[in-house]
Amino acid sequence: MAKTIDSTLPGNAPPAAAQTLLALLHAQGEVARLSEREQLYSSLLDSVNAVLWAFDWETRQVLYVSPAYERIFGRPVSQVLADYNEWRDSIYPDDLEYAERSLAQVLLKGAVEDREYRILNASGEVRWLSDKCYINQQLEGDRVIIVGIAEDITEKKQLEGELHRLATTDVLTQSSNRRHFFDCAQQAFDDAREAGTPLAFLLLDIDDFKRINDSYGHQEGDQVLQRIADTGKAVLRRGDLFGRIGGEEFAAVFPGCTAQVAEQIAERLQREIQRLGFSHGDEAYNVTVSQGLTGLTDEDEVLDSLFARADAAMYQAKRQGKNQIVRG
C-alpha cells in the first residue's frame, strides 16, 4: 500500500496560502529596502550644497530641482517648478546676459562646465554659483533636456577676493602696492602707445617725513601716510591709478590725460594735503609734499622713461624748496 507523502516536507512546494504569505513577506522586504534607498538618496541630496536641476529647453520649464535650491536661493521649489523665470529673475542683473548666453552654448557643445555667475537670494544677499550643464543624451526624439549642477561657491570667491586684495594692496594705506601699481601702469602705458592717446605719470614724496617719525613716533607717521593716501584716492579721477611705491612715496598714472591737465589735478592734490591738520599731544602740525610730473612722448618706448623723468622732477622740487610740483 502506497504511503501518503506530506507536502510540507522539505523539497516539496508549500501550499498556496504559504506561497502567498512568502510572496507578501518578500514584497514587504523589497518595499522596505526601496524605502531605505529613497531615504538615503534624499539624505544625500539634502547634504549637498549644490542644486541638481533638469530643464526642458523647448518648453522653458524646470522639470526638477534638488532640495538645495531652497537653501541657496531662499525660495520654495514649487515656485521655480511652476515658472522658470523664478530662476532667471534671481540672477544678478550684470550677469544675466552671460548666464543666458552660456546656457545656450550647451546646445552646440553638449556640455558647458565653466559657467560662474551671481544670484540674489530672497534676502537680497549676493551668492556666487558654479553652474555646470549638459545635454541629456539618453532621450530620443526632438525633446531637448538640459541637466546640471549649480554649486554655491560664494566662500571660495570671497577667499579669492581676499587673497587678491592682500596680493595687490598696501596693508597700511589700502592703496595699490608697488608691484600691483606698476603692473597696472605698464598696461596703461601699452594701451596709450597702441591707441596713440595721452598719458601722464606723477611721483609724490612727503616732505621731511623722517622728522615726523623721529619727533612723534612711527605710529604718528603711519597716520600721516594713511590720510595722504585717502586724499590721493579722493582727488584722483575714476580710472586713474594710485599707489604707495615706497616708504613715504606715492605714484599716480592718468590714462587719457596730458601733463597739462594732470598738473591741475596735482595742484588740487597739493592744496588738499596742505589743508590736512595733524596733532601730537598739544602740538599741531601740517605736512607738505613734493611732486614730479611728466607726460608720454613719442620717444618713450618703455614705462621706465616716464618713471625716470618724474623721479628727476620730484627731486628737483625737493632741491628747489619742497612743497611744489615740477614737470619733467
Foldseek 3Di string as FASTA:
>chain_A
DDDDDPQVDPPHDDDPVVVVVVVVVVVVVVVVVVVVVVVVVLVVLVPALKWKWKAWPVVRATPDITPNCCVPQVDDPVVCRVPVVSVLVFFDVVCNVVVVVQVVCCVVVQKDQADKGWGQHPVRDIWIWRKIKGWDPPDDDDTTMIIIMIHTCRVVVVVVVVVVQVVFADPLQRAGEQVNLVVVVQVLVVVCLVVVAKKKKKKKFWPPLVVCCVPQNVVLSSVLQNVLSVLVVVLDDPPKHKYAYDDRMIMIMDRRDAQVRVVVSVVVSQVVQQPDWDDHVPDIDGIGMFMEMEMDDPPDPGPVVNVVRRVVQRVVCVVVPGRYYGYD
